[in-house]
Amino acid sequence: MAAVEAVRPPVMLCGEIPGYSWDDARDAVRNAGYRVAGRADETTVLIICG
């Protein structure tokens, strides 16, 4: 699975996303073809703030 995670661009979630539980927000990011990052770095393509 590590190879699959490496090709998915990282997205960071912070705060509460209106209309989503934490798990639903993470699932939505993953279903959109991204991986959820624990912190932002130079590879992060998007930060979603609630």
C-alpha atoms as a PDB file:
ATOM      1  CA  MET A   1       0.000   0.000   0.000  1.00  0.00           C
ATOM      2  CA  ALA A   2       2.917   2.414   0.521  1.00  0.00           C
ATOM      3  CA  ALA A   3       3.485   2.644  -3.239  1.00  0.00           C
ATOM      4  CA  VAL A   4      -0.161   3.614  -3.803  1.00  0.00           C
ATOM      5  CA  GLU A   5       0.016   6.252  -1.051  1.00  0.00           C
ATOM      6  CA  ALA A   6       3.140   7.746  -2.632  1.00  0.00           C
ATOM      7  CA  VAL A   7       1.360   8.584  -5.914  1.00  0.00           C
ATOM      8  CA  ARG A   8      -1.645  10.211  -4.209  1.00  0.00           C
ATOM      9  CA  PRO A   9      -1.060  13.934  -3.598  1.00  0.00           C
ATOM     10  CA  PRO A  10      -1.295  14.857   0.093  1.00  0.00           C
ATOM     11  CA  VAL A  11      -4.084  17.083   1.430  1.00  0.00           C
ATOM     12  CA  MET A  12      -4.240  18.378   4.990  1.00  0.00           C
ATOM     13  CA  LEU A  13      -7.519  18.797   6.882  1.00  0.00           C
ATOM     14  CA  CYS A  14      -7.702  21.185   9.815  1.00  0.00           C
ATOM     15  CA  GLY A  15     -10.608  22.222  11.951  1.00  0.00           C
ATOM     16  CA  GLU A  16     -14.164  21.006  11.567  1.00  0.00           C
ATOM     17  CA  ILE A  17     -15.494  20.917   8.001  1.00  0.00           C
ATOM     18  CA  PRO A  18     -19.134  22.111   7.973  1.00  0.00           C
ATOM     19  CA  GLY A  19     -21.526  19.304   7.086  1.00  0.00           C
ATOM     20  CA  TYR A  20     -18.937  16.533   7.582  1.00  0.00           C
ATOM     21  CA  SER A  21     -17.890  14.399  10.505  1.00  0.00           C
ATOM     22  CA  TRP A  22     -14.115  13.983  10.812  1.00  0.00           C
ATOM     23  CA  ASP A  23     -14.305  10.474   9.314  1.00  0.00           C
ATOM     24  CA  ASP A  24     -16.567  11.598   6.454  1.00  0.00           C
ATOM     25  CA  ALA A  25     -14.236  14.484   5.583  1.00  0.00           C
ATOM     26  CA  ARG A  26     -11.246  12.125   5.474  1.00  0.00           C
ATOM     27  CA  ASP A  27     -13.185   9.639   3.335  1.00  0.00           C
ATOM     28  CA  ALA A  28     -14.212  12.417   0.930  1.00  0.00           C
ATOM     29  CA  VAL A  29     -10.564  13.454   0.478  1.00  0.00           C
ATOM     30  CA  ARG A  30      -9.509   9.858  -0.112  1.00  0.00           C
ATOM     31  CA  ASN A  31     -12.385   9.201  -2.519  1.00  0.00           C
ATOM     32  CA  ALA A  32     -11.293  12.255  -4.521  1.00  0.00           C
ATOM     33  CA  GLY A  33      -7.919  10.577  -5.133  1.00  0.00           C
ATOM     34  CA  TYR A  34      -5.829  12.252  -2.440  1.00  0.00           C
ATOM     35  CA  ARG A  35      -4.273  11.032   0.766  1.00  0.00           C
ATOM     36  CA  VAL A  36      -4.813  12.732   4.107  1.00  0.00           C
ATOM     37  CA  ALA A  37      -1.616  14.221   5.490  1.00  0.00           C
ATOM     38  CA  GLY A  38      -0.990  14.732   9.185  1.00  0.00           C
ATOM     39  CA  ARG A  39       0.935  17.937   8.539  1.00  0.00           C
ATOM     40  CA  ALA A  40       1.701  20.262   5.663  1.00  0.00           C
ATOM     41  CA  ASP A  41       5.053  20.195   3.899  1.00  0.00           C
ATOM     42  CA  GLU A  42       6.422  21.052   0.455  1.00  0.00           C
ATOM     43  CA  THR A  43       4.464  18.185  -1.149  1.00  0.00           C
ATOM     44  CA  THR A  44       1.057  19.255   0.211  1.00  0.00           C
ATOM     45  CA  VAL A  45      -1.243  20.254  -2.661  1.00  0.00           C
ATOM     46  CA  LEU A  46      -4.207  21.539  -0.644  1.00  0.00           C
ATOM     47  CA  ILE A  47      -5.102  22.551   2.904  1.00  0.00           C
ATOM     48  CA  ILE A  48      -8.802  22.372   3.779  1.00  0.00           C
ATOM     49  CA  CYS A  49      -9.679  24.527   6.790  1.00  0.00           C
ATOM     50  CA  GLY A  50     -12.971  24.352   8.626  1.00  0.00           C
END
